[in-house]
C-alpha atoms as a PDB file:
ATOM      1  CA  UNK A   1     279.396 311.331 316.593  1.00  0.00           C
ATOM      2  CA  UNK A   2     280.847 314.244 314.641  1.00  0.00           C
ATOM      3  CA  UNK A   3     278.753 315.720 311.859  1.00  0.00           C
ATOM      4  CA  UNK A   4     280.622 315.646 308.579  1.00  0.00           C
ATOM      5  CA  UNK A   5     280.027 317.748 305.475  1.00  0.00           C
ATOM      6  CA  UNK A   6     282.128 317.121 302.379  1.00  0.00           C
ATOM      7  CA  UNK A   7     281.910 318.434 298.855  1.00  0.00           C
ATOM      8  CA  UNK A   8     283.306 317.019 295.655  1.00  0.00           C
ATOM      9  CA  UNK A   9     283.112 317.442 291.912  1.00  0.00           C
ATOM     10  CA  UNK A  10     279.468 318.107 291.005  1.00  0.00           C
ATOM     11  CA  UNK A  11     277.589 318.761 294.227  1.00  0.00           C
ATOM     12  CA  UNK A  12     274.109 320.177 293.340  1.00  0.00           C
ATOM     13  CA  UNK A  13     274.170 322.689 296.212  1.00  0.00           C
ATOM     14  CA  UNK A  14     277.632 324.291 296.273  1.00  0.00           C
ATOM     15  CA  UNK A  15     277.214 326.280 299.511  1.00  0.00           C
ATOM     16  CA  UNK A  16     276.971 324.298 302.752  1.00  0.00           C
ATOM     17  CA  UNK A  17     276.381 326.048 306.072  1.00  0.00           C
ATOM     18  CA  UNK A  18     275.980 325.255 309.730  1.00  0.00           C
ATOM     19  CA  UNK A  19     276.162 327.064 313.052  1.00  0.00           C
ATOM     20  CA  UNK A  20     276.507 326.349 316.754  1.00  0.00           C
ATOM     21  CA  UNK A  21     276.817 328.491 319.853  1.00  0.00           C
ATOM     22  CA  UNK A  22     280.436 329.412 319.033  1.00  0.00           C
ATOM     23  CA  UNK A  23     280.761 329.663 315.257  1.00  0.00           C
ATOM     24  CA  UNK A  24     278.879 330.015 311.979  1.00  0.00           C
ATOM     25  CA  UNK A  25     280.472 328.277 309.009  1.00  0.00           C
ATOM     26  CA  UNK A  26     279.998 328.295 305.239  1.00  0.00           C
ATOM     27  CA  UNK A  27     281.794 326.058 302.702  1.00  0.00           C
ATOM     28  CA  UNK A  28     281.674 326.382 298.923  1.00  0.00           C
ATOM     29  CA  UNK A  29     283.521 324.637 296.099  1.00  0.00           C
ATOM     30  CA  UNK A  30     283.024 325.393 292.391  1.00  0.00           C
ATOM     31  CA  UNK A  31     284.530 323.866 289.283  1.00  0.00           C
ATOM     32  CA  UNK A  32     286.688 326.416 287.478  1.00  0.00           C
ATOM     33  CA  UNK A  33     285.644 327.911 284.164  1.00  0.00           C
ATOM     34  CA  UNK A  34     288.685 326.390 282.428  1.00  0.00           C
ATOM     35  CA  UNK A  35     287.861 322.911 283.728  1.00  0.00           C
ATOM     36  CA  UNK A  36     284.260 323.292 282.565  1.00  0.00           C
ATOM     37  CA  UNK A  37     285.432 324.117 279.052  1.00  0.00           C
ATOM     38  CA  UNK A  38     287.834 321.153 279.117  1.00  0.00           C
ATOM     39  CA  UNK A  39     285.301 318.754 280.615  1.00  0.00           C
ATOM     40  CA  UNK A  40     287.628 318.188 283.591  1.00  0.00           C
ATOM     41  CA  UNK A  41     286.321 317.620 287.125  1.00  0.00           C
ATOM     42  CA  UNK A  42     286.606 319.930 290.099  1.00  0.00           C
ATOM     43  CA  UNK A  43     289.956 319.033 291.639  1.00  0.00           C
ATOM     44  CA  UNK A  44     289.248 320.814 294.947  1.00  0.00           C
ATOM     45  CA  UNK A  45     287.599 319.262 297.994  1.00  0.00           C
ATOM     46  CA  UNK A  46     286.477 320.708 301.325  1.00  0.00           C
ATOM     47  CA  UNK A  47     285.460 319.295 304.683  1.00  0.00           C
ATOM     48  CA  UNK A  48     283.710 320.355 307.877  1.00  0.00           C
ATOM     49  CA  UNK A  49     283.249 318.433 311.116  1.00  0.00           C
ATOM     50  CA  UNK A  50     282.088 319.305 314.624  1.00  0.00           C
ATOM     51  CA  UNK A  51     282.076 316.875 317.523  1.00  0.00           C
ATOM     52  CA  UNK A  52     282.971 316.135 321.132  1.00  0.00           C
ATOM     53  CA  UNK A  53     285.824 314.209 322.687  1.00  0.00           C
ATOM     54  CA  UNK A  54     285.410 313.509 326.422  1.00  0.00           C
ATOM     55  CA  UNK A  55     282.865 316.319 326.478  1.00  0.00           C
ATOM     56  CA  UNK A  56     285.282 318.781 324.884  1.00  0.00           C
ATOM     57  CA  UNK A  57     283.795 320.304 321.693  1.00  0.00           C
ATOM     58  CA  UNK A  58     285.924 320.821 318.616  1.00  0.00           C
ATOM     59  CA  UNK A  59     285.533 321.927 315.011  1.00  0.00           C
ATOM     60  CA  UNK A  60     287.711 320.803 312.099  1.00  0.00           C
ATOM     61  CA  UNK A  61     287.669 322.527 308.708  1.00  0.00           C
ATOM     62  CA  UNK A  62     289.849 321.666 305.743  1.00  0.00           C
ATOM     63  CA  UNK A  63     290.260 322.045 302.009  1.00  0.00           C
ATOM     64  CA  UNK A  64     292.558 320.590 299.389  1.00  0.00           C
ATOM     65  CA  UNK A  65     293.542 321.502 295.841  1.00  0.00           C
ATOM     66  CA  UNK A  66     294.508 318.664 293.515  1.00  0.00           C
ATOM     67  CA  UNK A  67     297.388 319.557 291.207  1.00  0.00           C
ATOM     68  CA  UNK A  68     295.647 318.513 288.004  1.00  0.00           C
ATOM     69  CA  UNK A  69     297.274 317.984 284.623  1.00  0.00           C
ATOM     70  CA  UNK A  70     298.568 314.855 282.929  1.00  0.00           C
ATOM     71  CA  UNK A  71     301.107 314.141 285.687  1.00  0.00           C
ATOM     72  CA  UNK A  72     298.380 313.983 288.354  1.00  0.00           C
ATOM     73  CA  UNK A  73     295.407 312.180 286.740  1.00  0.00           C
ATOM     74  CA  UNK A  74     293.887 311.185 290.102  1.00  0.00           C
ATOM     75  CA  UNK A  75     294.461 314.483 291.899  1.00  0.00           C
ATOM     76  CA  UNK A  76     290.751 315.125 292.485  1.00  0.00           C
ATOM     77  CA  UNK A  77     290.662 311.806 294.361  1.00  0.00           C
ATOM     78  CA  UNK A  78     293.825 312.772 296.189  1.00  0.00           C
ATOM     79  CA  UNK A  79     292.139 315.996 297.338  1.00  0.00           C
ATOM     80  CA  UNK A  80     289.074 314.137 298.610  1.00  0.00           C
ATOM     81  CA  UNK A  81     291.272 311.674 300.497  1.00  0.00           C
ATOM     82  CA  UNK A  82     293.330 314.570 301.876  1.00  0.00           C
ATOM     83  CA  UNK A  83     290.407 316.372 303.523  1.00  0.00           C
ATOM     84  CA  UNK A  84     289.146 313.082 304.939  1.00  0.00           C
ATOM     85  CA  UNK A  85     292.619 312.372 306.295  1.00  0.00           C
ATOM     86  CA  UNK A  86     292.729 315.841 307.839  1.00  0.00           C
ATOM     87  CA  UNK A  87     289.427 315.154 309.591  1.00  0.00           C
ATOM     88  CA  UNK A  88     290.769 311.911 311.041  1.00  0.00           C
ATOM     89  CA  UNK A  89     293.971 313.606 312.168  1.00  0.00           C
ATOM     90  CA  UNK A  90     291.932 316.411 313.764  1.00  0.00           C
ATOM     91  CA  UNK A  91     289.836 313.868 315.696  1.00  0.00           C
ATOM     92  CA  UNK A  92     292.982 312.175 317.012  1.00  0.00           C
ATOM     93  CA  UNK A  93     294.440 315.566 317.953  1.00  0.00           C
ATOM     94  CA  UNK A  94     291.234 316.558 319.766  1.00  0.00           C
ATOM     95  CA  UNK A  95     291.437 313.339 321.796  1.00  0.00           C
ATOM     96  CA  UNK A  96     295.081 314.119 322.616  1.00  0.00           C
ATOM     97  CA  UNK A  97     294.165 317.653 323.747  1.00  0.00           C
ATOM     98  CA  UNK A  98     291.263 316.375 325.867  1.00  0.00           C
ATOM     99  CA  UNK A  99     293.582 314.003 327.724  1.00  0.00           C
ATOM    100  CA  UNK A 100     296.373 316.551 327.967  1.00  0.00           C
ATOM    101  CA  UNK A 101     294.157 319.314 329.367  1.00  0.00           C
ATOM    102  CA  UNK A 102     293.091 317.064 332.243  1.00  0.00           C
ATOM    103  CA  UNK A 103     296.633 316.087 333.181  1.00  0.00           C
ATOM    104  CA  UNK A 104     298.836 319.088 332.421  1.00  0.00           C
ATOM    105  CA  UNK A 105     298.329 322.687 333.531  1.00  0.00           C
ATOM    106  CA  UNK A 106     300.635 323.840 330.733  1.00  0.00           C
ATOM    107  CA  UNK A 107     298.635 321.899 328.149  1.00  0.00           C
ATOM    108  CA  UNK A 108     298.233 324.829 325.731  1.00  0.00           C
ATOM    109  CA  UNK A 109     301.969 325.141 325.159  1.00  0.00           C
ATOM    110  CA  UNK A 110     302.372 321.381 324.770  1.00  0.00           C
ATOM    111  CA  UNK A 111     299.372 321.082 322.447  1.00  0.00           C
ATOM    112  CA  UNK A 112     300.728 323.891 320.253  1.00  0.00           C
ATOM    113  CA  UNK A 113     304.119 322.186 320.047  1.00  0.00           C
ATOM    114  CA  UNK A 114     302.505 318.837 319.237  1.00  0.00           C
ATOM    115  CA  UNK A 115     300.379 320.305 316.440  1.00  0.00           C
ATOM    116  CA  UNK A 116     303.352 322.083 314.882  1.00  0.00           C
ATOM    117  CA  UNK A 117     305.770 319.147 315.055  1.00  0.00           C
ATOM    118  CA  UNK A 118     303.680 315.959 314.988  1.00  0.00           C
ATOM    119  CA  UNK A 119     300.360 316.521 313.256  1.00  0.00           C
ATOM    120  CA  UNK A 120     301.804 317.112 309.800  1.00  0.00           C
ATOM    121  CA  UNK A 121     303.582 313.767 309.895  1.00  0.00           C
ATOM    122  CA  UNK A 122     300.445 312.015 311.120  1.00  0.00           C
ATOM    123  CA  UNK A 123     298.363 313.638 308.393  1.00  0.00           C
ATOM    124  CA  UNK A 124     300.752 312.442 305.701  1.00  0.00           C
ATOM    125  CA  UNK A 125     300.670 308.908 307.133  1.00  0.00           C
ATOM    126  CA  UNK A 126     296.858 308.771 307.092  1.00  0.00           C
ATOM    127  CA  UNK A 127     296.680 310.190 303.568  1.00  0.00           C
ATOM    128  CA  UNK A 128     299.287 307.766 302.208  1.00  0.00           C
ATOM    129  CA  UNK A 129     297.418 304.822 303.738  1.00  0.00           C
ATOM    130  CA  UNK A 130     294.173 305.974 302.113  1.00  0.00           C
ATOM    131  CA  UNK A 131     295.842 306.425 298.730  1.00  0.00           C
ATOM    132  CA  UNK A 132     297.506 302.983 298.955  1.00  0.00           C
ATOM    133  CA  UNK A 133     294.169 301.413 299.854  1.00  0.00           C
ATOM    134  CA  UNK A 134     292.473 303.174 296.941  1.00  0.00           C
ATOM    135  CA  UNK A 135     295.120 301.811 294.567  1.00  0.00           C
ATOM    136  CA  UNK A 136     294.581 298.231 295.727  1.00  0.00           C
ATOM    137  CA  UNK A 137     290.794 298.223 296.134  1.00  0.00           C
ATOM    138  CA  UNK A 138     289.514 298.321 292.595  1.00  0.00           C
ATOM    139  CA  UNK A 139     291.687 301.162 291.290  1.00  0.00           C
ATOM    140  CA  UNK A 140     295.005 299.454 290.503  1.00  0.00           C
ATOM    141  CA  UNK A 141     297.982 301.446 289.284  1.00  0.00           C
ATOM    142  CA  UNK A 142     300.883 300.013 287.298  1.00  0.00           C
ATOM    143  CA  UNK A 143     303.237 301.939 289.597  1.00  0.00           C
ATOM    144  CA  UNK A 144     303.840 301.246 293.269  1.00  0.00           C
ATOM    145  CA  UNK A 145     304.643 303.233 296.393  1.00  0.00           C
ATOM    146  CA  UNK A 146     305.641 306.855 295.908  1.00  0.00           C
ATOM    147  CA  UNK A 147     305.216 306.678 292.119  1.00  0.00           C
ATOM    148  CA  UNK A 148     301.634 305.443 292.457  1.00  0.00           C
ATOM    149  CA  UNK A 149     300.860 308.169 294.994  1.00  0.00           C
ATOM    150  CA  UNK A 150     302.231 310.847 292.667  1.00  0.00           C
ATOM    151  CA  UNK A 151     299.139 310.688 290.469  1.00  0.00           C
ATOM    152  CA  UNK A 152     297.051 311.735 293.516  1.00  0.00           C
ATOM    153  CA  UNK A 153     299.056 314.942 294.074  1.00  0.00           C
ATOM    154  CA  UNK A 154     297.317 317.613 296.168  1.00  0.00           C
ATOM    155  CA  UNK A 155     297.757 320.360 298.722  1.00  0.00           C
ATOM    156  CA  UNK A 156     295.983 320.481 302.099  1.00  0.00           C
ATOM    157  CA  UNK A 157     295.101 323.248 304.542  1.00  0.00           C
ATOM    158  CA  UNK A 158     292.948 323.096 307.650  1.00  0.00           C
ATOM    159  CA  UNK A 159     292.126 324.398 311.100  1.00  0.00           C
ATOM    160  CA  UNK A 160     291.105 322.791 314.380  1.00  0.00           C
ATOM    161  CA  UNK A 161     289.161 324.866 316.921  1.00  0.00           C
ATOM    162  CA  UNK A 162     289.240 323.373 320.400  1.00  0.00           C
ATOM    163  CA  UNK A 163     288.753 324.892 323.852  1.00  0.00           C
ATOM    164  CA  UNK A 164     290.057 328.480 323.608  1.00  0.00           C
ATOM    165  CA  UNK A 165     292.690 327.833 320.919  1.00  0.00           C
ATOM    166  CA  UNK A 166     292.762 327.568 317.147  1.00  0.00           C
ATOM    167  CA  UNK A 167     295.316 325.451 315.322  1.00  0.00           C
ATOM    168  CA  UNK A 168     296.082 326.078 311.646  1.00  0.00           C
ATOM    169  CA  UNK A 169     298.217 323.942 309.365  1.00  0.00           C
ATOM    170  CA  UNK A 170     298.974 323.531 305.671  1.00  0.00           C
ATOM    171  CA  UNK A 171     301.099 321.693 303.139  1.00  0.00           C
ATOM    172  CA  UNK A 172     301.122 323.572 299.854  1.00  0.00           C
ATOM    173  CA  UNK A 173     299.763 326.852 298.563  1.00  0.00           C
ATOM    174  CA  UNK A 174     296.171 326.753 299.832  1.00  0.00           C
ATOM    175  CA  UNK A 175     295.700 329.676 302.222  1.00  0.00           C
ATOM    176  CA  UNK A 176     294.465 330.299 305.759  1.00  0.00           C
ATOM    177  CA  UNK A 177     293.715 333.887 306.785  1.00  0.00           C
ATOM    178  CA  UNK A 178     292.710 335.414 310.102  1.00  0.00           C
ATOM    179  CA  UNK A 179     290.451 338.447 310.519  1.00  0.00           C
ATOM    180  CA  UNK A 180     290.867 340.402 313.755  1.00  0.00           C
ATOM    181  CA  UNK A 181     288.933 343.326 315.217  1.00  0.00           C
ATOM    182  CA  UNK A 182     291.384 345.530 317.104  1.00  0.00           C
ATOM    183  CA  UNK A 183     290.320 348.976 318.390  1.00  0.00           C
ATOM    184  CA  UNK A 184     287.524 349.168 315.785  1.00  0.00           C
ATOM    185  CA  UNK A 185     290.024 348.306 313.047  1.00  0.00           C
ATOM    186  CA  UNK A 186     289.624 345.197 310.895  1.00  0.00           C
ATOM    187  CA  UNK A 187     292.899 343.392 310.324  1.00  0.00           C
ATOM    188  CA  UNK A 188     293.548 340.666 307.758  1.00  0.00           C
ATOM    189  CA  UNK A 189     296.629 338.480 308.030  1.00  0.00           C
ATOM    190  CA  UNK A 190     297.851 335.080 306.847  1.00  0.00           C
ATOM    191  CA  UNK A 191     298.254 332.250 309.348  1.00  0.00           C
ATOM    192  CA  UNK A 192     300.347 330.200 306.921  1.00  0.00           C
ATOM    193  CA  UNK A 193     303.031 331.273 304.473  1.00  0.00           C
ATOM    194  CA  UNK A 194     302.460 331.122 300.733  1.00  0.00           C
ATOM    195  CA  UNK A 195     304.993 328.980 298.870  1.00  0.00           C
ATOM    196  CA  UNK A 196     305.300 329.546 295.141  1.00  0.00           C
ATOM    197  CA  UNK A 197     305.083 326.979 292.366  1.00  0.00           C
ATOM    198  CA  UNK A 198     302.822 324.345 290.869  1.00  0.00           C
ATOM    199  CA  UNK A 199     302.619 320.583 291.280  1.00  0.00           C
ATOM    200  CA  UNK A 200     305.712 319.063 292.885  1.00  0.00           C
ATOM    201  CA  UNK A 201     307.495 322.437 292.855  1.00  0.00           C
ATOM    202  CA  UNK A 202     305.185 323.543 295.651  1.00  0.00           C
ATOM    203  CA  UNK A 203     304.898 321.689 298.970  1.00  0.00           C
ATOM    204  CA  UNK A 204     302.640 318.734 298.265  1.00  0.00           C
ATOM    205  CA  UNK A 205     301.370 315.614 299.981  1.00  0.00           C
ATOM    206  CA  UNK A 206     303.194 313.564 297.332  1.00  0.00           C
ATOM    207  CA  UNK A 207     306.552 315.107 298.146  1.00  0.00           C
ATOM    208  CA  UNK A 208     308.987 312.679 299.830  1.00  0.00           C
ATOM    209  CA  UNK A 209     309.502 315.374 302.494  1.00  0.00           C
ATOM    210  CA  UNK A 210     305.853 316.373 302.850  1.00  0.00           C
ATOM    211  CA  UNK A 211     305.894 316.035 306.643  1.00  0.00           C
ATOM    212  CA  UNK A 212     308.776 318.524 306.821  1.00  0.00           C
ATOM    213  CA  UNK A 213     306.803 321.058 304.775  1.00  0.00           C
ATOM    214  CA  UNK A 214     303.925 321.171 307.256  1.00  0.00           C
ATOM    215  CA  UNK A 215     303.251 324.702 308.493  1.00  0.00           C
ATOM    216  CA  UNK A 216     301.555 324.428 311.882  1.00  0.00           C
ATOM    217  CA  UNK A 217     300.681 327.298 314.198  1.00  0.00           C
ATOM    218  CA  UNK A 218     298.380 328.116 317.108  1.00  0.00           C
ATOM    219  CA  UNK A 219     296.553 331.259 318.273  1.00  0.00           C
ATOM    220  CA  UNK A 220     293.957 332.303 320.819  1.00  0.00           C
ATOM    221  CA  UNK A 221     290.364 332.144 319.566  1.00  0.00           C
ATOM    222  CA  UNK A 222     289.474 335.347 321.414  1.00  0.00           C
ATOM    223  CA  UNK A 223     291.918 337.210 319.161  1.00  0.00           C
ATOM    224  CA  UNK A 224     290.144 335.918 316.066  1.00  0.00           C
ATOM    225  CA  UNK A 225     286.950 337.367 314.619  1.00  0.00           C
ATOM    226  CA  UNK A 226     286.842 335.104 311.551  1.00  0.00           C
ATOM    227  CA  UNK A 227     288.890 332.619 309.580  1.00  0.00           C
ATOM    228  CA  UNK A 228     289.144 332.252 305.805  1.00  0.00           C
ATOM    229  CA  UNK A 229     290.420 329.105 304.112  1.00  0.00           C
ATOM    230  CA  UNK A 230     290.761 329.173 300.341  1.00  0.00           C
ATOM    231  CA  UNK A 231     292.431 327.505 297.401  1.00  0.00           C
ATOM    232  CA  UNK A 232     294.399 329.581 294.916  1.00  0.00           C
ATOM    233  CA  UNK A 233     291.382 329.672 292.600  1.00  0.00           C
ATOM    234  CA  UNK A 234     290.049 332.316 295.003  1.00  0.00           C
ATOM    235  CA  UNK A 235     293.200 334.092 296.189  1.00  0.00           C
ATOM    236  CA  UNK A 236     294.879 334.321 292.760  1.00  0.00           C
ATOM    237  CA  UNK A 237     291.768 335.938 291.277  1.00  0.00           C
ATOM    238  CA  UNK A 238     292.476 339.169 293.173  1.00  0.00           C
ATOM    239  CA  UNK A 239     295.500 341.438 293.180  1.00  0.00           C
ATOM    240  CA  UNK A 240     295.202 341.719 296.979  1.00  0.00           C
ATOM    241  CA  UNK A 241     294.781 337.920 297.412  1.00  0.00           C
ATOM    242  CA  UNK A 242     291.083 338.430 298.180  1.00  0.00           C
ATOM    243  CA  UNK A 243     291.515 340.624 301.267  1.00  0.00           C
ATOM    244  CA  UNK A 244     288.881 343.226 300.326  1.00  0.00           C
ATOM    245  CA  UNK A 245     286.331 340.572 299.350  1.00  0.00           C
ATOM    246  CA  UNK A 246     286.977 338.474 302.475  1.00  0.00           C
ATOM    247  CA  UNK A 247     286.497 341.452 304.798  1.00  0.00           C
ATOM    248  CA  UNK A 248     283.358 342.464 302.889  1.00  0.00           C
ATOM    249  CA  UNK A 249     281.974 338.920 303.225  1.00  0.00           C
ATOM    250  CA  UNK A 250     282.708 338.968 306.948  1.00  0.00           C
ATOM    251  CA  UNK A 251     281.021 342.314 307.561  1.00  0.00           C
ATOM    252  CA  UNK A 252     277.929 341.599 305.467  1.00  0.00           C
ATOM    253  CA  UNK A 253     277.444 338.110 306.901  1.00  0.00           C
ATOM    254  CA  UNK A 254     277.621 339.530 310.437  1.00  0.00           C
ATOM    255  CA  UNK A 255     274.797 341.936 309.615  1.00  0.00           C
ATOM    256  CA  UNK A 256     272.616 339.761 307.395  1.00  0.00           C
ATOM    257  CA  UNK A 257     273.090 336.244 308.687  1.00  0.00           C
ATOM    258  CA  UNK A 258     274.110 332.847 307.380  1.00  0.00           C
ATOM    259  CA  UNK A 259     271.035 332.345 305.196  1.00  0.00           C
ATOM    260  CA  UNK A 260     271.856 335.569 303.370  1.00  0.00           C
ATOM    261  CA  UNK A 261     275.384 334.282 302.708  1.00  0.00           C
ATOM    262  CA  UNK A 262     274.116 330.894 301.526  1.00  0.00           C
ATOM    263  CA  UNK A 263     271.783 332.569 299.032  1.00  0.00           C
ATOM    264  CA  UNK A 264     274.365 334.931 297.541  1.00  0.00           C
ATOM    265  CA  UNK A 265     277.759 333.279 297.793  1.00  0.00           C
ATOM    266  CA  UNK A 266     277.327 330.825 294.871  1.00  0.00           C
ATOM    267  CA  UNK A 267     276.547 333.598 292.366  1.00  0.00           C
ATOM    268  CA  UNK A 268     279.321 335.804 293.729  1.00  0.00           C
ATOM    269  CA  UNK A 269     281.810 332.956 293.449  1.00  0.00           C
ATOM    270  CA  UNK A 270     280.774 332.378 289.833  1.00  0.00           C
ATOM    271  CA  UNK A 271     281.615 336.022 289.050  1.00  0.00           C
ATOM    272  CA  UNK A 272     284.963 335.865 290.822  1.00  0.00           C
ATOM    273  CA  UNK A 273     285.845 332.687 288.970  1.00  0.00           C
ATOM    274  CA  UNK A 274     284.714 333.900 285.569  1.00  0.00           C
ATOM    275  CA  UNK A 275     286.525 337.235 285.887  1.00  0.00           C
ATOM    276  CA  UNK A 276     289.539 335.799 287.733  1.00  0.00           C
ATOM    277  CA  UNK A 277     291.969 332.971 287.013  1.00  0.00           C
ATOM    278  CA  UNK A 278     289.142 330.524 286.143  1.00  0.00           C
ATOM    279  CA  UNK A 279     290.640 327.780 288.326  1.00  0.00           C
ATOM    280  CA  UNK A 280     288.619 325.595 290.699  1.00  0.00           C
ATOM    281  CA  UNK A 281     287.537 327.769 293.614  1.00  0.00           C
ATOM    282  CA  UNK A 282     286.979 326.630 297.188  1.00  0.00           C
ATOM    283  CA  UNK A 283     286.321 328.871 300.161  1.00  0.00           C
ATOM    284  CA  UNK A 284     285.510 328.325 303.839  1.00  0.00           C
ATOM    285  CA  UNK A 285     284.316 331.201 306.021  1.00  0.00           C
ATOM    286  CA  UNK A 286     284.171 330.704 309.805  1.00  0.00           C
ATOM    287  CA  UNK A 287     282.855 333.566 312.003  1.00  0.00           C
ATOM    288  CA  UNK A 288     282.540 333.715 315.780  1.00  0.00           C
ATOM    289  CA  UNK A 289     278.850 333.535 316.710  1.00  0.00           C
ATOM    290  CA  UNK A 290     279.124 336.239 319.373  1.00  0.00           C
ATOM    291  CA  UNK A 291     280.143 338.732 316.647  1.00  0.00           C
ATOM    292  CA  UNK A 292     276.997 338.188 314.595  1.00  0.00           C
ATOM    293  CA  UNK A 293     274.813 341.289 314.724  1.00  0.00           C
ATOM    294  CA  UNK A 294     271.075 340.717 315.230  1.00  0.00           C
ATOM    295  CA  UNK A 295     268.911 342.656 312.762  1.00  0.00           C
ATOM    296  CA  UNK A 296     265.204 342.944 312.127  1.00  0.00           C
ATOM    297  CA  UNK A 297     263.966 340.863 309.192  1.00  0.00           C
ATOM    298  CA  UNK A 298     263.190 343.896 307.047  1.00  0.00           C
ATOM    299  CA  UNK A 299     266.739 345.214 307.373  1.00  0.00           C
ATOM    300  CA  UNK A 300     268.073 342.285 305.357  1.00  0.00           C
ATOM    301  CA  UNK A 301     266.356 343.614 302.253  1.00  0.00           C
ATOM    302  CA  UNK A 302     267.872 347.096 302.614  1.00  0.00           C
ATOM    303  CA  UNK A 303     270.922 347.753 300.484  1.00  0.00           C
ATOM    304  CA  UNK A 304     274.147 348.085 302.450  1.00  0.00           C
ATOM    305  CA  UNK A 305     276.688 350.455 300.850  1.00  0.00           C
ATOM    306  CA  UNK A 306     279.833 348.633 299.759  1.00  0.00           C
ATOM    307  CA  UNK A 307     283.034 350.142 301.060  1.00  0.00           C
ATOM    308  CA  UNK A 308     285.287 350.450 297.986  1.00  0.00           C
ATOM    309  CA  UNK A 309     288.557 348.567 298.353  1.00  0.00           C
ATOM    310  CA  UNK A 310     291.805 350.489 298.560  1.00  0.00           C
ATOM    311  CA  UNK A 311     293.606 350.952 295.228  1.00  0.00           C
ATOM    312  CA  UNK A 312     295.581 347.833 294.448  1.00  0.00           C
ATOM    313  CA  UNK A 313     298.600 347.553 292.214  1.00  0.00           C
ATOM    314  CA  UNK A 314     298.098 344.566 289.894  1.00  0.00           C
ATOM    315  CA  UNK A 315     300.361 341.657 290.767  1.00  0.00           C
ATOM    316  CA  UNK A 316     301.618 338.850 288.603  1.00  0.00           C
ATOM    317  CA  UNK A 317     299.354 335.810 288.536  1.00  0.00           C
ATOM    318  CA  UNK A 318     300.482 332.218 288.855  1.00  0.00           C
ATOM    319  CA  UNK A 319     298.280 331.777 285.763  1.00  0.00           C
ATOM    320  CA  UNK A 320     300.024 334.125 283.274  1.00  0.00           C
ATOM    321  CA  UNK A 321     297.233 333.913 280.736  1.00  0.00           C
ATOM    322  CA  UNK A 322     294.836 335.687 283.110  1.00  0.00           C
ATOM    323  CA  UNK A 323     295.827 338.669 285.239  1.00  0.00           C
ATOM    324  CA  UNK A 324     294.464 339.347 288.747  1.00  0.00           C
ATOM    325  CA  UNK A 325     291.340 341.453 289.051  1.00  0.00           C
ATOM    326  CA  UNK A 326     291.752 345.195 289.443  1.00  0.00           C
ATOM    327  CA  UNK A 327     290.235 347.143 292.324  1.00  0.00           C
ATOM    328  CA  UNK A 328     287.394 348.255 290.076  1.00  0.00           C
ATOM    329  CA  UNK A 329     286.582 344.691 289.087  1.00  0.00           C
ATOM    330  CA  UNK A 330     286.710 343.584 292.720  1.00  0.00           C
ATOM    331  CA  UNK A 331     284.188 346.279 293.585  1.00  0.00           C
ATOM    332  CA  UNK A 332     281.968 345.226 290.691  1.00  0.00           C
ATOM    333  CA  UNK A 333     282.071 341.551 291.576  1.00  0.00           C
ATOM    334  CA  UNK A 334     281.319 342.148 295.236  1.00  0.00           C
ATOM    335  CA  UNK A 335     278.721 344.834 294.608  1.00  0.00           C
ATOM    336  CA  UNK A 336     276.731 342.895 292.055  1.00  0.00           C
ATOM    337  CA  UNK A 337     276.633 339.606 293.849  1.00  0.00           C
ATOM    338  CA  UNK A 338     277.025 340.222 297.547  1.00  0.00           C
ATOM    339  CA  UNK A 339     274.578 343.087 298.035  1.00  0.00           C
ATOM    340  CA  UNK A 340     271.191 342.326 299.657  1.00  0.00           C
ATOM    341  CA  UNK A 341     268.130 342.557 297.374  1.00  0.00           C
ATOM    342  CA  UNK A 342     266.835 345.952 296.370  1.00  0.00           C
ATOM    343  CA  UNK A 343     264.197 347.502 298.612  1.00  0.00           C
ATOM    344  CA  UNK A 344     261.212 349.601 297.632  1.00  0.00           C
ATOM    345  CA  UNK A 345     261.907 351.791 300.663  1.00  0.00           C
ATOM    346  CA  UNK A 346     265.668 352.002 301.174  1.00  0.00           C
ATOM    347  CA  UNK A 347     267.012 353.731 304.230  1.00  0.00           C
ATOM    348  CA  UNK A 348     268.164 357.302 303.893  1.00  0.00           C
ATOM    349  CA  UNK A 349     271.767 357.537 302.828  1.00  0.00           C
ATOM    350  CA  UNK A 350     271.890 354.221 300.983  1.00  0.00           C
ATOM    351  CA  UNK A 351     272.038 353.653 297.271  1.00  0.00           C
ATOM    352  CA  UNK A 352     269.946 351.062 295.523  1.00  0.00           C
ATOM    353  CA  UNK A 353     272.047 348.582 293.557  1.00  0.00           C
ATOM    354  CA  UNK A 354     271.223 347.522 290.037  1.00  0.00           C
ATOM    355  CA  UNK A 355     271.987 343.859 289.548  1.00  0.00           C
ATOM    356  CA  UNK A 356     273.305 342.526 286.281  1.00  0.00           C
ATOM    357  CA  UNK A 357     272.567 339.243 284.619  1.00  0.00           C
ATOM    358  CA  UNK A 358     269.803 336.784 285.367  1.00  0.00           C
END
């Protein structure tokens, strides 16, 4: 049976991690500062699953961002149902790939086409069925059909890792990024496009044409060093959409390990949220296990110099009341929260960091 990890509104431990022989994974979801002040719930949800189909291992990771506001009063439930629906769709797709790979030598091309053209429609069908069931099983709505579903409005983004391929798909403005290591250069690029807008003005699972707004793509896993999935509470908090922070997370986690990330990511995310757009923030980091660098235990406590991000021209935020973080603020947020603990005997050439706050 697959192992499932989900997070919702007030989970006591916001950073969930696991690892296997191919990947290490961390998931975190935090309620935004604005929602805390308003007493509103976290409208994001995230999901992680690893399992086998006919002996073929696969991993599914997904996150969703409920639209929020008075027009979408059940959007946090819509987000939870969306990531569950993505997990079910991913399991069906894994079964399809397992059968296809045994019968078709050109299965990779056919699987890529199927994911891009069929899986979005199937995801929408599963999600709509779950929403309809929720409406009729103790949570009645005066509206019916599409109007009832509207109150559950949410985005969805997810990846499926199976055999030697990765499949990425999204409906809405939640992001999927790929980190590559090419000739000692770290490259950061989006796997899905970023549509603009809020609520029904952005691609959404409640749109009548949601299945047509599915962005599905495939790539070789060997070309991928890490994957980042995030809601706009993370990406909109940085003028560079979080590129510098994501690369820094990747590099430091490789050197210090998953436990190090689990210990430090919650506090770092609190800083990013407080100093950023203050929206709900969800982030999934998935790194290839063979790229993790083994270190001696004592090296974890030695401060690693933070590479300052390149100067970034501030961009307009989708939340006009709060502007994206500057390069200096990005450096502060990452340096304060993501650095390993101070050491009494730092290595030559490193600088001890002074932490701020509690």
